Amino acid sequence: MPVELNEIEEAEVELEQWLVDQAENGVPEVVLIGLLRDYADDIEQLGYVPRTWGEAER
């Protein structure tokens, strides 16, 4: 299923806003970086984004 450029841009904007919101709410940037890296590693290893994140995937 091809992804449209506007879908990618929209997802990017939403992720950026979520990160800003978390940082403004006091979550340290180092924590956000760690979360992103962990999720990226999981997704890379699995080859897809799980539709639910249970303990088995983490």
C-alpha atoms as a PDB file:
ATOM      1  CA  MET A   1       0.000   0.000   0.000  1.00  0.00           C
ATOM      2  CA  PRO A   2       1.754   3.179  -1.143  1.00  0.00           C
ATOM      3  CA  VAL A   3       1.913   6.055   1.302  1.00  0.00           C
ATOM      4  CA  GLU A   4       1.111   9.523   0.055  1.00  0.00           C
ATOM      5  CA  LEU A   5       3.610  12.290   0.779  1.00  0.00           C
ATOM      6  CA  ASN A   6       0.957  14.302   2.609  1.00  0.00           C
ATOM      7  CA  GLU A   7       0.335  11.325   4.953  1.00  0.00           C
ATOM      8  CA  ILE A   8       4.026  11.212   5.815  1.00  0.00           C
ATOM      9  CA  GLU A   9       4.119  14.965   6.390  1.00  0.00           C
ATOM     10  CA  GLU A  10       0.996  14.811   8.562  1.00  0.00           C
ATOM     11  CA  ALA A  11       2.451  12.007  10.671  1.00  0.00           C
ATOM     12  CA  GLU A  12       5.688  13.960  11.026  1.00  0.00           C
ATOM     13  CA  VAL A  13       3.846  17.081  12.205  1.00  0.00           C
ATOM     14  CA  GLU A  14       1.794  15.053  14.699  1.00  0.00           C
ATOM     15  CA  LEU A  15       4.904  13.344  16.087  1.00  0.00           C
ATOM     16  CA  GLU A  16       6.727  16.658  16.368  1.00  0.00           C
ATOM     17  CA  GLN A  17       3.786  18.185  18.227  1.00  0.00           C
ATOM     18  CA  TRP A  18       3.591  15.208  20.584  1.00  0.00           C
ATOM     19  CA  LEU A  19       7.309  15.541  21.343  1.00  0.00           C
ATOM     20  CA  VAL A  20       6.946  19.283  21.986  1.00  0.00           C
ATOM     21  CA  ASP A  21       3.958  18.665  24.265  1.00  0.00           C
ATOM     22  CA  GLN A  22       5.891  16.062  26.257  1.00  0.00           C
ATOM     23  CA  ALA A  23       8.923  18.325  26.608  1.00  0.00           C
ATOM     24  CA  GLU A  24       6.752  21.266  27.653  1.00  0.00           C
ATOM     25  CA  ASN A  25       5.123  19.021  30.272  1.00  0.00           C
ATOM     26  CA  GLY A  26       8.502  18.314  31.804  1.00  0.00           C
ATOM     27  CA  VAL A  27       9.551  15.036  30.212  1.00  0.00           C
ATOM     28  CA  PRO A  28      13.329  15.271  29.780  1.00  0.00           C
ATOM     29  CA  GLU A  29      14.578  15.165  26.210  1.00  0.00           C
ATOM     30  CA  VAL A  30      16.896  12.280  27.072  1.00  0.00           C
ATOM     31  CA  VAL A  31      13.828  10.218  28.058  1.00  0.00           C
ATOM     32  CA  LEU A  32      12.074  11.066  24.781  1.00  0.00           C
ATOM     33  CA  ILE A  33      15.191  10.130  22.816  1.00  0.00           C
ATOM     34  CA  GLY A  34      15.401   6.804  24.636  1.00  0.00           C
ATOM     35  CA  LEU A  35      11.744   6.043  23.948  1.00  0.00           C
ATOM     36  CA  LEU A  36      12.093   6.838  20.259  1.00  0.00           C
ATOM     37  CA  ARG A  37      15.215   4.690  19.961  1.00  0.00           C
ATOM     38  CA  ASP A  38      13.596   1.753  21.765  1.00  0.00           C
ATOM     39  CA  TYR A  39      10.485   1.874  19.608  1.00  0.00           C
ATOM     40  CA  ALA A  40      12.553   2.291  16.447  1.00  0.00           C
ATOM     41  CA  ASP A  41      14.636  -0.750  17.403  1.00  0.00           C
ATOM     42  CA  ASP A  42      11.492  -2.804  18.076  1.00  0.00           C
ATOM     43  CA  ILE A  43       9.919  -1.784  14.770  1.00  0.00           C
ATOM     44  CA  GLU A  44      13.122  -2.487  12.867  1.00  0.00           C
ATOM     45  CA  GLN A  45      13.455  -5.920  14.462  1.00  0.00           C
ATOM     46  CA  LEU A  46       9.811  -6.853  13.851  1.00  0.00           C
ATOM     47  CA  GLY A  47       9.643  -5.300  10.397  1.00  0.00           C
ATOM     48  CA  TYR A  48       6.302  -3.639  11.135  1.00  0.00           C
ATOM     49  CA  VAL A  49       4.517  -1.479  13.686  1.00  0.00           C
ATOM     50  CA  PRO A  50       2.473  -3.627  16.037  1.00  0.00           C
ATOM     51  CA  ARG A  51      -1.123  -2.465  16.299  1.00  0.00           C
ATOM     52  CA  THR A  52      -0.926  -3.075  20.049  1.00  0.00           C
ATOM     53  CA  TRP A  53       2.091  -2.844  22.314  1.00  0.00           C
ATOM     54  CA  GLY A  54       1.827  -5.597  24.886  1.00  0.00           C
ATOM     55  CA  GLU A  55       4.529  -6.758  27.250  1.00  0.00           C
ATOM     56  CA  ALA A  56       5.553  -9.473  24.779  1.00  0.00           C
ATOM     57  CA  GLU A  57       6.635  -6.869  22.201  1.00  0.00           C
ATOM     58  CA  ARG A  58       8.619  -4.753  24.653  1.00  0.00           C
END
